[in-house]
Amino acid sequence: MKLLEKHARVLDREWGTHDLFQVLVLFAKAGHDPEWFKAHFEMELSASELRIWELAWIPGLFQTEAYARAVAIGAGLRDIDARVAIRMKRQERLLQDPPPNLWVMLDEGVITQPVGGAEVMREQLARLLELNEQPNISVRIVPQRAGAHVGRDGSFKIMTVDGNEAVYVEANIGGRLAVDVADVRSYRASFDRISDRALPVDASAELIQQTMERFK
C-alpha cells in the first residue's frame, strides 16, 4: 500500500517527525530511493558535523525560500510549494541547541550562475555571508582558476552522528548513501583535497560580496 501525501501530513503532525513522511512521499514520486533518503534525512537532523561539497547549487540548508523555489521550478518538479516548505523546515536544524558544525565548500559557479534572477541571487548571497559569520559555519569558495580537481566528479555531504560517519552522494535523479568505512574514508580524503583548492574564509566572503554586487 502506498502512503498518500494527505496521510503523510497527518503522521508528521501527530508524531512530530519534522515532515519526514511528506519528504519521503515527494522523493518516492520523484524516483528517489526512499530508504537512502530517509536515512540521509534522519542523519542530517541529528548530525553534530556536516561537511558539504557542492558543485551545482547552494546547499539546501542554506537556500532562501526564493532560491529554493527557483531551483524546483527550473528542475521541472511538481508540488513546488510543498517541496519549498519542507526545505525551509529542514533549516530549523541550524537553530537547534547545540547547532551542528558545518564546513561548506562551493564551486565558484554556484555563486555566479544566476538562479531566479538578480534579486533572488542578491538575497541568496547575502544569506551566505550572514551564515559565514556564524562561529559554527565555514563557507569557502573553490575558484574557477583551480581548474581540474577531484571535486569535479560531483557533490557530496559527509555527516557525523555520534562519532559515526556516512556520506550522501548527489546524483542527477536521487542519490545514494555510503556507509562503508572505506568509502567514507575516500570521501573524507576528497574533501580535504578540495579544501586544498579552496580560498580562505575571508577571501571567500570577499568573493561572495563582489559577486553579489554584480547582480543588479
N, C-alpha and C. Protein backbone atom coordinates (compact mmCIF):
# COMPACT_ATOMS: atom_id res chain seq x y z
N MET A 1 0.84 -1.19 0.00
CA MET A 1 0.00 0.00 0.00
C MET A 1 0.88 1.25 0.00
N LYS A 2 0.59 2.20 -0.88
CA LYS A 2 1.36 3.42 -0.97
C LYS A 2 0.86 4.43 0.07
N LEU A 3 1.80 5.17 0.64
CA LEU A 3 1.45 6.22 1.59
C LEU A 3 1.05 7.46 0.81
N LEU A 4 -0.17 7.93 1.03
CA LEU A 4 -0.64 9.13 0.36
C LEU A 4 -0.13 10.38 1.07
N GLU A 5 0.00 11.46 0.31
CA GLU A 5 0.55 12.70 0.88
C GLU A 5 -0.32 13.22 2.03
N LYS A 6 -1.65 13.11 1.90
CA LYS A 6 -2.53 13.60 2.96
C LYS A 6 -2.36 12.80 4.25
N HIS A 7 -2.08 11.50 4.11
CA HIS A 7 -1.83 10.68 5.28
C HIS A 7 -0.45 10.99 5.88
N ALA A 8 0.52 11.30 5.00
CA ALA A 8 1.85 11.66 5.47
C ALA A 8 1.80 12.91 6.33
N ARG A 9 0.96 13.88 5.92
CA ARG A 9 0.83 15.11 6.72
C ARG A 9 0.29 14.82 8.10
N VAL A 10 -0.66 13.90 8.16
CA VAL A 10 -1.25 13.54 9.46
C VAL A 10 -0.20 12.86 10.35
N LEU A 11 0.57 11.94 9.78
CA LEU A 11 1.60 11.24 10.55
C LEU A 11 2.65 12.21 11.07
N ASP A 12 3.08 13.13 10.20
CA ASP A 12 4.08 14.10 10.62
C ASP A 12 3.55 14.98 11.75
N ARG A 13 2.29 15.37 11.65
CA ARG A 13 1.71 16.24 12.69
C ARG A 13 1.56 15.48 14.00
N GLU A 14 1.06 14.26 13.95
CA GLU A 14 0.78 13.51 15.17
C GLU A 14 2.05 12.99 15.84
N TRP A 15 3.05 12.65 15.03
CA TRP A 15 4.27 12.05 15.58
C TRP A 15 5.41 13.04 15.71
N GLY A 16 5.21 14.28 15.25
CA GLY A 16 6.26 15.28 15.36
C GLY A 16 7.54 14.88 14.64
N THR A 17 7.41 14.40 13.42
CA THR A 17 8.56 13.85 12.68
C THR A 17 9.20 14.84 11.71
N HIS A 18 8.99 16.15 11.95
CA HIS A 18 9.67 17.18 11.14
C HIS A 18 9.43 17.00 9.65
N ASP A 19 8.18 16.63 9.27
CA ASP A 19 7.81 16.48 7.85
C ASP A 19 8.53 15.35 7.15
N LEU A 20 9.08 14.40 7.91
CA LEU A 20 9.83 13.31 7.32
C LEU A 20 8.99 12.51 6.34
N PHE A 21 7.76 12.14 6.72
CA PHE A 21 6.94 11.30 5.85
C PHE A 21 6.52 12.05 4.58
N GLN A 22 6.28 13.36 4.68
CA GLN A 22 5.97 14.14 3.48
C GLN A 22 7.16 14.18 2.53
N VAL A 23 8.35 14.32 3.09
CA VAL A 23 9.56 14.30 2.27
C VAL A 23 9.69 12.97 1.54
N LEU A 24 9.46 11.88 2.25
CA LEU A 24 9.60 10.56 1.65
C LEU A 24 8.60 10.35 0.52
N VAL A 25 7.37 10.83 0.71
CA VAL A 25 6.37 10.71 -0.35
C VAL A 25 6.80 11.48 -1.59
N LEU A 26 7.28 12.71 -1.38
CA LEU A 26 7.70 13.52 -2.51
C LEU A 26 8.86 12.90 -3.26
N PHE A 27 9.83 12.39 -2.51
CA PHE A 27 11.00 11.81 -3.17
C PHE A 27 10.68 10.46 -3.80
N ALA A 28 9.73 9.74 -3.24
CA ALA A 28 9.30 8.49 -3.86
C ALA A 28 8.66 8.78 -5.21
N LYS A 29 7.86 9.85 -5.28
CA LYS A 29 7.24 10.25 -6.54
C LYS A 29 8.30 10.63 -7.58
N ALA A 30 9.39 11.24 -7.08
CA ALA A 30 10.43 11.70 -7.99
C ALA A 30 11.38 10.60 -8.41
N GLY A 31 11.22 9.41 -7.83
CA GLY A 31 12.06 8.30 -8.23
C GLY A 31 13.26 8.07 -7.35
N HIS A 32 13.36 8.77 -6.22
CA HIS A 32 14.49 8.57 -5.32
C HIS A 32 14.31 7.26 -4.55
N ASP A 33 15.41 6.70 -4.11
CA ASP A 33 15.34 5.54 -3.22
C ASP A 33 14.91 6.04 -1.85
N PRO A 34 13.69 5.70 -1.37
CA PRO A 34 13.19 6.25 -0.12
C PRO A 34 14.02 5.84 1.09
N GLU A 35 14.60 4.64 1.06
CA GLU A 35 15.40 4.20 2.21
C GLU A 35 16.68 5.01 2.32
N TRP A 36 17.33 5.25 1.20
CA TRP A 36 18.54 6.07 1.21
C TRP A 36 18.22 7.48 1.69
N PHE A 37 17.17 8.06 1.12
CA PHE A 37 16.87 9.43 1.50
C PHE A 37 16.39 9.50 2.95
N LYS A 38 15.62 8.54 3.40
CA LYS A 38 15.16 8.54 4.78
C LYS A 38 16.35 8.52 5.73
N ALA A 39 17.30 7.64 5.47
CA ALA A 39 18.48 7.55 6.33
C ALA A 39 19.28 8.85 6.29
N HIS A 40 19.45 9.41 5.09
CA HIS A 40 20.17 10.68 4.95
C HIS A 40 19.47 11.80 5.70
N PHE A 41 18.16 11.87 5.56
CA PHE A 41 17.38 12.93 6.19
C PHE A 41 17.47 12.83 7.71
N GLU A 42 17.34 11.62 8.24
CA GLU A 42 17.42 11.43 9.69
C GLU A 42 18.81 11.76 10.22
N MET A 43 19.85 11.40 9.47
CA MET A 43 21.21 11.72 9.90
C MET A 43 21.45 13.22 9.88
N GLU A 44 20.95 13.89 8.86
CA GLU A 44 21.12 15.34 8.78
C GLU A 44 20.48 16.04 9.98
N LEU A 45 19.31 15.54 10.41
CA LEU A 45 18.61 16.13 11.54
C LEU A 45 19.39 16.02 12.85
N SER A 46 20.17 14.96 12.98
CA SER A 46 20.86 14.71 14.25
C SER A 46 22.38 14.84 14.16
N ALA A 47 22.90 15.22 13.00
CA ALA A 47 24.35 15.30 12.82
C ALA A 47 24.96 16.41 13.66
N SER A 48 26.08 16.12 14.27
CA SER A 48 26.82 17.14 15.00
C SER A 48 27.78 17.88 14.08
N GLU A 49 28.15 17.24 12.97
CA GLU A 49 29.05 17.84 12.00
C GLU A 49 28.57 17.51 10.58
N LEU A 50 28.67 18.51 9.70
CA LEU A 50 28.34 18.32 8.29
C LEU A 50 29.46 18.92 7.45
N ARG A 51 29.96 18.14 6.52
CA ARG A 51 30.97 18.62 5.57
C ARG A 51 30.35 18.50 4.18
N ILE A 52 30.17 19.63 3.52
CA ILE A 52 29.42 19.66 2.27
C ILE A 52 30.28 20.22 1.14
N TRP A 53 30.34 19.47 0.06
CA TRP A 53 30.94 19.98 -1.18
C TRP A 53 29.82 20.06 -2.20
N GLU A 54 29.63 21.25 -2.77
CA GLU A 54 28.54 21.45 -3.70
C GLU A 54 29.06 22.03 -5.01
N LEU A 55 28.76 21.33 -6.07
CA LEU A 55 29.25 21.69 -7.40
C LEU A 55 28.23 22.49 -8.21
N ALA A 56 26.94 22.36 -7.87
CA ALA A 56 25.91 22.93 -8.73
C ALA A 56 25.00 23.96 -8.07
N TRP A 57 24.61 23.73 -6.82
CA TRP A 57 23.59 24.57 -6.18
C TRP A 57 24.06 25.05 -4.80
N ILE A 58 23.44 26.11 -4.32
CA ILE A 58 23.58 26.46 -2.92
C ILE A 58 23.03 25.29 -2.11
N PRO A 59 23.71 24.81 -1.08
CA PRO A 59 23.19 23.68 -0.30
C PRO A 59 21.79 23.96 0.25
N GLY A 60 20.97 22.92 0.30
CA GLY A 60 19.59 23.08 0.73
C GLY A 60 19.44 23.73 2.09
N LEU A 61 20.34 23.42 3.02
CA LEU A 61 20.26 24.00 4.35
C LEU A 61 20.49 25.51 4.35
N PHE A 62 21.07 26.04 3.26
CA PHE A 62 21.41 27.46 3.19
C PHE A 62 20.51 28.23 2.22
N GLN A 63 19.63 27.56 1.51
CA GLN A 63 18.86 28.22 0.47
C GLN A 63 17.78 29.14 1.05
N THR A 64 17.62 30.31 0.43
CA THR A 64 16.49 31.16 0.75
C THR A 64 15.24 30.54 0.12
N GLU A 65 14.09 30.99 0.56
CA GLU A 65 12.85 30.44 0.01
C GLU A 65 12.74 30.74 -1.48
N ALA A 66 13.12 31.94 -1.89
CA ALA A 66 13.02 32.31 -3.30
C ALA A 66 13.97 31.48 -4.15
N TYR A 67 15.18 31.25 -3.66
CA TYR A 67 16.15 30.44 -4.40
C TYR A 67 15.67 29.00 -4.49
N ALA A 68 15.17 28.45 -3.39
CA ALA A 68 14.67 27.07 -3.39
C ALA A 68 13.53 26.91 -4.38
N ARG A 69 12.67 27.90 -4.45
CA ARG A 69 11.55 27.84 -5.39
C ARG A 69 12.06 27.88 -6.83
N ALA A 70 13.05 28.74 -7.10
CA ALA A 70 13.60 28.84 -8.45
C ALA A 70 14.27 27.53 -8.85
N VAL A 71 14.95 26.87 -7.92
CA VAL A 71 15.58 25.58 -8.20
C VAL A 71 14.53 24.55 -8.58
N ALA A 72 13.46 24.47 -7.78
CA ALA A 72 12.41 23.47 -8.03
C ALA A 72 11.72 23.73 -9.36
N ILE A 73 11.44 25.00 -9.65
CA ILE A 73 10.79 25.33 -10.93
C ILE A 73 11.71 25.00 -12.10
N GLY A 74 12.98 25.36 -11.96
CA GLY A 74 13.94 25.09 -13.03
C GLY A 74 14.12 23.62 -13.31
N ALA A 75 13.95 22.79 -12.26
CA ALA A 75 14.08 21.35 -12.42
C ALA A 75 12.81 20.70 -12.95
N GLY A 76 11.76 21.49 -13.11
CA GLY A 76 10.50 20.96 -13.62
C GLY A 76 9.79 20.04 -12.64
N LEU A 77 9.97 20.28 -11.35
CA LEU A 77 9.38 19.41 -10.33
C LEU A 77 7.92 19.78 -10.07
N ARG A 78 7.19 18.85 -9.52
CA ARG A 78 5.80 19.09 -9.11
C ARG A 78 5.78 19.42 -7.61
N ASP A 79 4.60 19.78 -7.14
CA ASP A 79 4.41 20.06 -5.71
C ASP A 79 5.43 21.08 -5.21
N ILE A 80 5.57 22.18 -5.96
CA ILE A 80 6.59 23.18 -5.65
C ILE A 80 6.45 23.72 -4.23
N ASP A 81 5.23 24.13 -3.87
CA ASP A 81 5.02 24.73 -2.55
C ASP A 81 5.40 23.76 -1.44
N ALA A 82 5.02 22.51 -1.58
CA ALA A 82 5.32 21.51 -0.55
C ALA A 82 6.81 21.28 -0.45
N ARG A 83 7.49 21.20 -1.57
CA ARG A 83 8.94 20.98 -1.56
C ARG A 83 9.67 22.14 -0.90
N VAL A 84 9.26 23.36 -1.23
CA VAL A 84 9.91 24.53 -0.64
C VAL A 84 9.66 24.57 0.86
N ALA A 85 8.42 24.27 1.27
CA ALA A 85 8.10 24.29 2.70
C ALA A 85 8.93 23.28 3.48
N ILE A 86 9.12 22.11 2.90
CA ILE A 86 9.90 21.07 3.56
C ILE A 86 11.37 21.50 3.66
N ARG A 87 11.88 22.11 2.61
CA ARG A 87 13.27 22.57 2.66
C ARG A 87 13.46 23.63 3.74
N MET A 88 12.51 24.55 3.85
CA MET A 88 12.60 25.58 4.88
C MET A 88 12.50 24.95 6.28
N LYS A 89 11.67 23.92 6.41
CA LYS A 89 11.52 23.24 7.69
C LYS A 89 12.83 22.57 8.08
N ARG A 90 13.52 21.97 7.12
CA ARG A 90 14.79 21.30 7.41
C ARG A 90 15.83 22.27 7.96
N GLN A 91 15.74 23.53 7.58
CA GLN A 91 16.72 24.51 8.02
C GLN A 91 16.62 24.83 9.51
N GLU A 92 15.54 24.40 10.14
CA GLU A 92 15.42 24.61 11.57
C GLU A 92 16.53 23.89 12.33
N ARG A 93 17.14 22.91 11.69
CA ARG A 93 18.27 22.20 12.32
C ARG A 93 19.39 23.18 12.68
N LEU A 94 19.55 24.22 11.89
CA LEU A 94 20.62 25.19 12.15
C LEU A 94 20.35 26.02 13.40
N LEU A 95 19.10 26.03 13.86
CA LEU A 95 18.72 26.85 15.01
C LEU A 95 18.68 26.06 16.31
N GLN A 96 18.88 24.76 16.23
CA GLN A 96 18.81 23.94 17.42
C GLN A 96 20.02 24.17 18.31
N ASP A 97 19.87 23.81 19.57
CA ASP A 97 20.94 23.99 20.54
C ASP A 97 21.37 22.63 21.08
N PRO A 98 22.63 22.21 20.84
CA PRO A 98 23.65 22.96 20.11
C PRO A 98 23.47 22.80 18.61
N PRO A 99 23.88 23.81 17.85
CA PRO A 99 23.79 23.70 16.39
C PRO A 99 24.91 22.82 15.86
N PRO A 100 24.75 22.27 14.67
CA PRO A 100 25.84 21.47 14.09
C PRO A 100 26.98 22.35 13.61
N ASN A 101 28.15 21.78 13.54
CA ASN A 101 29.28 22.45 12.91
C ASN A 101 29.27 22.12 11.42
N LEU A 102 29.38 23.15 10.60
CA LEU A 102 29.34 22.95 9.15
C LEU A 102 30.58 23.51 8.48
N TRP A 103 31.19 22.68 7.63
CA TRP A 103 32.26 23.11 6.75
C TRP A 103 31.71 22.95 5.33
N VAL A 104 31.53 24.06 4.64
CA VAL A 104 30.88 24.03 3.33
C VAL A 104 31.82 24.62 2.29
N MET A 105 31.99 23.90 1.21
CA MET A 105 32.78 24.40 0.09
C MET A 105 31.91 24.40 -1.16
N LEU A 106 31.98 25.51 -1.89
CA LEU A 106 31.17 25.69 -3.09
C LEU A 106 32.06 25.98 -4.29
N ASP A 107 31.72 25.37 -5.40
CA ASP A 107 32.36 25.74 -6.65
C ASP A 107 31.97 27.18 -6.98
N GLU A 108 32.88 27.96 -7.54
CA GLU A 108 32.58 29.36 -7.84
C GLU A 108 31.35 29.50 -8.73
N GLY A 109 31.13 28.52 -9.60
CA GLY A 109 29.96 28.57 -10.46
C GLY A 109 28.64 28.59 -9.71
N VAL A 110 28.64 28.06 -8.49
CA VAL A 110 27.42 28.06 -7.68
C VAL A 110 26.97 29.48 -7.35
N ILE A 111 27.93 30.37 -7.10
CA ILE A 111 27.56 31.73 -6.72
C ILE A 111 27.44 32.67 -7.91
N THR A 112 27.96 32.28 -9.06
CA THR A 112 27.89 33.16 -10.23
C THR A 112 26.75 32.79 -11.18
N GLN A 113 26.30 31.54 -11.14
CA GLN A 113 25.21 31.10 -12.01
C GLN A 113 23.90 31.75 -11.55
N PRO A 114 23.26 32.58 -12.38
CA PRO A 114 22.02 33.22 -11.95
C PRO A 114 20.88 32.21 -11.84
N VAL A 115 20.30 32.14 -10.67
CA VAL A 115 19.17 31.26 -10.40
C VAL A 115 18.02 32.13 -9.88
N GLY A 116 16.96 32.23 -10.66
CA GLY A 116 15.81 33.01 -10.21
C GLY A 116 15.92 34.50 -10.44
N GLY A 117 17.00 34.96 -11.05
CA GLY A 117 17.14 36.38 -11.33
C GLY A 117 18.05 37.09 -10.35
N ALA A 118 18.36 38.35 -10.67
CA ALA A 118 19.33 39.12 -9.90
C ALA A 118 18.90 39.33 -8.45
N GLU A 119 17.65 39.66 -8.23
CA GLU A 119 17.18 39.93 -6.87
C GLU A 119 17.27 38.68 -6.00
N VAL A 120 16.89 37.54 -6.57
CA VAL A 120 16.98 36.27 -5.83
C VAL A 120 18.42 35.97 -5.47
N MET A 121 19.34 36.20 -6.41
CA MET A 121 20.74 35.91 -6.16
C MET A 121 21.35 36.86 -5.12
N ARG A 122 20.98 38.12 -5.16
CA ARG A 122 21.49 39.06 -4.16
C ARG A 122 21.06 38.62 -2.75
N GLU A 123 19.81 38.25 -2.64
CA GLU A 123 19.30 37.80 -1.34
C GLU A 123 20.00 36.52 -0.90
N GLN A 124 20.22 35.61 -1.85
CA GLN A 124 20.85 34.34 -1.51
C GLN A 124 22.31 34.52 -1.10
N LEU A 125 23.03 35.34 -1.82
CA LEU A 125 24.43 35.56 -1.49
C LEU A 125 24.58 36.33 -0.17
N ALA A 126 23.65 37.23 0.10
CA ALA A 126 23.65 37.92 1.39
C ALA A 126 23.43 36.92 2.52
N ARG A 127 22.58 35.95 2.26
CA ARG A 127 22.34 34.89 3.25
C ARG A 127 23.62 34.08 3.50
N LEU A 128 24.35 33.79 2.45
CA LEU A 128 25.62 33.08 2.60
C LEU A 128 26.59 33.86 3.48
N LEU A 129 26.68 35.16 3.24
CA LEU A 129 27.58 35.99 4.03
C LEU A 129 27.16 36.02 5.50
N GLU A 130 25.88 36.07 5.72
CA GLU A 130 25.35 36.06 7.08
C GLU A 130 25.70 34.76 7.80
N LEU A 131 25.52 33.64 7.11
CA LEU A 131 25.82 32.34 7.70
C LEU A 131 27.31 32.19 7.94
N ASN A 132 28.11 32.74 7.06
CA ASN A 132 29.56 32.60 7.17
C ASN A 132 30.12 33.32 8.40
N GLU A 133 29.32 34.18 9.00
CA GLU A 133 29.74 34.90 10.20
C GLU A 133 29.44 34.10 11.48
N GLN A 134 28.68 33.02 11.33
CA GLN A 134 28.35 32.21 12.49
C GLN A 134 29.58 31.41 12.92
N PRO A 135 29.81 31.27 14.23
CA PRO A 135 31.02 30.59 14.69
C PRO A 135 31.07 29.11 14.35
N ASN A 136 29.93 28.51 14.06
CA ASN A 136 29.88 27.09 13.76
C ASN A 136 29.82 26.78 12.27
N ILE A 137 29.91 27.83 11.42
CA ILE A 137 29.75 27.64 9.98
C ILE A 137 30.92 28.27 9.23
N SER A 138 31.46 27.49 8.30
CA SER A 138 32.53 27.97 7.43
C SER A 138 32.11 27.77 5.99
N VAL A 139 32.12 28.85 5.21
CA VAL A 139 31.79 28.77 3.79
C VAL A 139 33.01 29.21 2.99
N ARG A 140 33.49 28.34 2.12
CA ARG A 140 34.66 28.64 1.30
C ARG A 140 34.35 28.35 -0.16
N ILE A 141 34.98 29.12 -1.02
CA ILE A 141 34.74 29.01 -2.45
C ILE A 141 35.97 28.41 -3.14
N VAL A 142 35.72 27.44 -4.01
CA VAL A 142 36.78 26.92 -4.88
C VAL A 142 36.72 27.73 -6.16
N PRO A 143 37.72 28.58 -6.42
CA PRO A 143 37.66 29.47 -7.57
C PRO A 143 37.80 28.73 -8.89
N GLN A 144 37.29 29.35 -9.93
CA GLN A 144 37.34 28.75 -11.26
C GLN A 144 38.78 28.46 -11.68
N ARG A 145 39.69 29.31 -11.26
CA ARG A 145 41.08 29.13 -11.67
C ARG A 145 41.73 27.88 -11.08
N ALA A 146 41.04 27.21 -10.14
CA ALA A 146 41.57 25.97 -9.57
C ALA A 146 41.67 24.88 -10.64
N GLY A 147 40.90 25.02 -11.70
CA GLY A 147 40.98 24.06 -12.80
C GLY A 147 40.44 22.69 -12.42
N ALA A 148 41.02 21.66 -13.02
CA ALA A 148 40.55 20.29 -12.77
C ALA A 148 40.95 19.85 -11.37
N HIS A 149 40.01 19.23 -10.66
CA HIS A 149 40.29 18.69 -9.33
C HIS A 149 39.26 17.62 -9.01
N VAL A 150 39.48 16.87 -7.96
CA VAL A 150 38.65 15.71 -7.65
C VAL A 150 37.19 16.08 -7.41
N GLY A 151 36.92 17.30 -6.98
CA GLY A 151 35.54 17.71 -6.71
C GLY A 151 34.68 17.80 -7.94
N ARG A 152 35.29 17.85 -9.12
CA ARG A 152 34.51 17.94 -10.35
C ARG A 152 33.69 16.69 -10.60
N ASP A 153 33.96 15.62 -9.87
CA ASP A 153 33.21 14.38 -10.05
C ASP A 153 31.78 14.48 -9.53
N GLY A 154 31.51 15.42 -8.62
CA GLY A 154 30.15 15.56 -8.13
C GLY A 154 30.07 16.00 -6.68
N SER A 155 28.86 16.39 -6.28
CA SER A 155 28.61 16.90 -4.93
C SER A 155 28.41 15.77 -3.94
N PHE A 156 28.75 16.04 -2.68
CA PHE A 156 28.51 15.06 -1.63
C PHE A 156 28.47 15.75 -0.27
N LYS A 157 27.95 15.03 0.71
CA LYS A 157 27.80 15.54 2.06
C LYS A 157 28.24 14.46 3.05
N ILE A 158 29.20 14.81 3.92
CA ILE A 158 29.66 13.88 4.96
C ILE A 158 28.97 14.27 6.27
N MET A 159 28.29 13.31 6.87
CA MET A 159 27.52 13.57 8.10
C MET A 159 28.10 12.77 9.25
N THR A 160 28.29 13.43 10.38
CA THR A 160 28.81 12.78 11.57
C THR A 160 27.73 12.74 12.64
N VAL A 161 27.38 11.55 13.07
CA VAL A 161 26.35 11.36 14.10
C VAL A 161 26.90 10.41 15.15
N ASP A 162 27.01 10.88 16.38
CA ASP A 162 27.52 10.05 17.48
C ASP A 162 28.87 9.42 17.14
N GLY A 163 29.70 10.17 16.47
CA GLY A 163 31.04 9.68 16.13
C GLY A 163 31.11 8.81 14.90
N ASN A 164 29.97 8.47 14.33
CA ASN A 164 29.93 7.65 13.11
C ASN A 164 29.67 8.54 11.90
N GLU A 165 30.24 8.16 10.77
CA GLU A 165 30.12 8.98 9.57
C GLU A 165 29.46 8.21 8.42
N ALA A 166 28.72 8.97 7.62
CA ALA A 166 28.14 8.44 6.39
C ALA A 166 28.20 9.56 5.36
N VAL A 167 28.12 9.18 4.09
CA VAL A 167 28.20 10.16 3.01
C VAL A 167 26.96 10.04 2.13
N TYR A 168 26.32 11.18 1.89
CA TYR A 168 25.23 11.21 0.93
C TYR A 168 25.78 11.79 -0.37
N VAL A 169 25.72 11.01 -1.42
CA VAL A 169 26.29 11.39 -2.71
C VAL A 169 25.17 11.83 -3.64
N GLU A 170 25.26 13.05 -4.12
CA GLU A 170 24.24 13.58 -5.01
C GLU A 170 24.28 12.88 -6.37
N ALA A 171 23.10 12.79 -6.99
CA ALA A 171 23.00 12.22 -8.33
C ALA A 171 21.95 13.01 -9.10
N ASN A 172 21.94 12.85 -10.42
CA ASN A 172 21.01 13.59 -11.25
C ASN A 172 19.57 13.30 -10.87
N ILE A 173 19.27 12.05 -10.60
CA ILE A 173 17.94 11.66 -10.13
C ILE A 173 18.14 10.87 -8.85
N GLY A 174 17.88 11.52 -7.72
CA GLY A 174 18.06 10.84 -6.43
C GLY A 174 19.47 10.98 -5.92
N GLY A 175 19.93 9.97 -5.22
CA GLY A 175 21.25 9.98 -4.62
C GLY A 175 21.47 8.65 -3.96
N ARG A 176 22.64 8.47 -3.35
CA ARG A 176 22.90 7.23 -2.65
C ARG A 176 23.63 7.54 -1.35
N LEU A 177 23.48 6.64 -0.40
CA LEU A 177 24.12 6.79 0.91
C LEU A 177 25.25 5.79 1.02
N ALA A 178 26.44 6.29 1.35
CA ALA A 178 27.61 5.42 1.52
C ALA A 178 27.96 5.37 3.00
N VAL A 179 27.99 4.15 3.55
CA VAL A 179 28.32 3.99 4.97
C VAL A 179 29.53 3.10 5.17
N ASP A 180 30.00 2.46 4.12
CA ASP A 180 31.18 1.61 4.24
C ASP A 180 32.38 2.46 4.66
N VAL A 181 33.16 1.94 5.60
CA VAL A 181 34.28 2.69 6.16
C VAL A 181 35.25 3.14 5.07
N ALA A 182 35.55 2.25 4.14
CA ALA A 182 36.48 2.59 3.06
C ALA A 182 35.92 3.70 2.18
N ASP A 183 34.63 3.65 1.89
CA ASP A 183 34.01 4.68 1.07
C ASP A 183 34.04 6.03 1.78
N VAL A 184 33.69 6.01 3.07
CA VAL A 184 33.68 7.26 3.83
C VAL A 184 35.09 7.85 3.89
N ARG A 185 36.07 7.01 4.12
CA ARG A 185 37.46 7.47 4.17
C ARG A 185 37.87 8.11 2.85
N SER A 186 37.42 7.53 1.74
CA SER A 186 37.74 8.06 0.43
C SER A 186 37.14 9.45 0.24
N TYR A 187 35.89 9.63 0.68
CA TYR A 187 35.25 10.93 0.54
C TYR A 187 35.86 11.96 1.47
N ARG A 188 36.30 11.54 2.67
CA ARG A 188 36.99 12.47 3.55
C ARG A 188 38.28 12.96 2.90
N ALA A 189 38.99 12.04 2.26
CA ALA A 189 40.22 12.42 1.56
C ALA A 189 39.92 13.39 0.42
N SER A 190 38.83 13.11 -0.31
CA SER A 190 38.44 14.00 -1.40
C SER A 190 38.08 15.39 -0.86
N PHE A 191 37.38 15.42 0.27
CA PHE A 191 37.00 16.70 0.87
C PHE A 191 38.25 17.50 1.23
N ASP A 192 39.24 16.82 1.78
CA ASP A 192 40.49 17.50 2.14
C ASP A 192 41.22 18.02 0.90
N ARG A 193 41.20 17.23 -0.18
CA ARG A 193 41.88 17.67 -1.40
C ARG A 193 41.16 18.87 -2.03
N ILE A 194 39.83 18.85 -1.96
CA ILE A 194 39.07 20.01 -2.45
C ILE A 194 39.38 21.24 -1.60
N SER A 195 39.49 21.02 -0.30
CA SER A 195 39.82 22.12 0.61
C SER A 195 41.14 22.77 0.25
N ASP A 196 42.09 21.96 -0.23
CA ASP A 196 43.39 22.49 -0.63
C ASP A 196 43.26 23.51 -1.76
N ARG A 197 42.19 23.38 -2.57
CA ARG A 197 41.99 24.28 -3.70
C ARG A 197 41.11 25.48 -3.36
N ALA A 198 40.47 25.46 -2.19
CA ALA A 198 39.52 26.50 -1.82
C ALA A 198 40.21 27.75 -1.27
N LEU A 199 39.55 28.89 -1.47
CA LEU A 199 40.02 30.13 -0.88
C LEU A 199 39.82 30.11 0.63
N PRO A 200 40.61 30.86 1.40
CA PRO A 200 40.36 31.00 2.83
C PRO A 200 38.98 31.62 3.07
N VAL A 201 38.50 31.53 4.30
CA VAL A 201 37.16 32.02 4.63
C VAL A 201 37.00 33.50 4.30
N ASP A 202 37.94 34.33 4.71
CA ASP A 202 37.81 35.78 4.47
C ASP A 202 37.84 36.11 2.98
N ALA A 203 38.74 35.46 2.24
CA ALA A 203 38.81 35.70 0.80
C ALA A 203 37.54 35.20 0.11
N SER A 204 36.98 34.11 0.61
CA SER A 204 35.73 33.59 0.06
C SER A 204 34.59 34.58 0.29
N ALA A 205 34.53 35.15 1.50
CA ALA A 205 33.49 36.13 1.80
C ALA A 205 33.63 37.35 0.90
N GLU A 206 34.85 37.76 0.63
CA GLU A 206 35.09 38.91 -0.25
C GLU A 206 34.62 38.60 -1.66
N LEU A 207 34.89 37.38 -2.14
CA LEU A 207 34.44 36.99 -3.48
C LEU A 207 32.92 36.94 -3.55
N ILE A 208 32.29 36.41 -2.52
CA ILE A 208 30.82 36.37 -2.48
C ILE A 208 30.25 37.78 -2.52
N GLN A 209 30.86 38.69 -1.75
CA GLN A 209 30.40 40.08 -1.73
C GLN A 209 30.55 40.72 -3.10
N GLN A 210 31.67 40.52 -3.75
CA GLN A 210 31.90 41.09 -5.07
C GLN A 210 30.90 40.54 -6.08
N THR A 211 30.63 39.24 -5.98
CA THR A 211 29.68 38.61 -6.90
C THR A 211 28.28 39.16 -6.67
N MET A 212 27.91 39.33 -5.40
CA MET A 212 26.59 39.85 -5.07
C MET A 212 26.39 41.24 -5.67
N GLU A 213 27.42 42.06 -5.63
CA GLU A 213 27.33 43.42 -6.15
C GLU A 213 27.19 43.45 -7.67
N ARG A 214 27.55 42.37 -8.34
CA ARG A 214 27.40 42.32 -9.80
C ARG A 214 26.00 41.95 -10.22
N PHE A 215 25.21 41.41 -9.29
CA PHE A 215 23.81 41.09 -9.62
C PHE A 215 22.95 42.32 -9.39
N LYS A 216 22.75 43.09 -10.45
CA LYS A 216 21.97 44.33 -10.37
C LYS A 216 20.90 44.34 -11.44
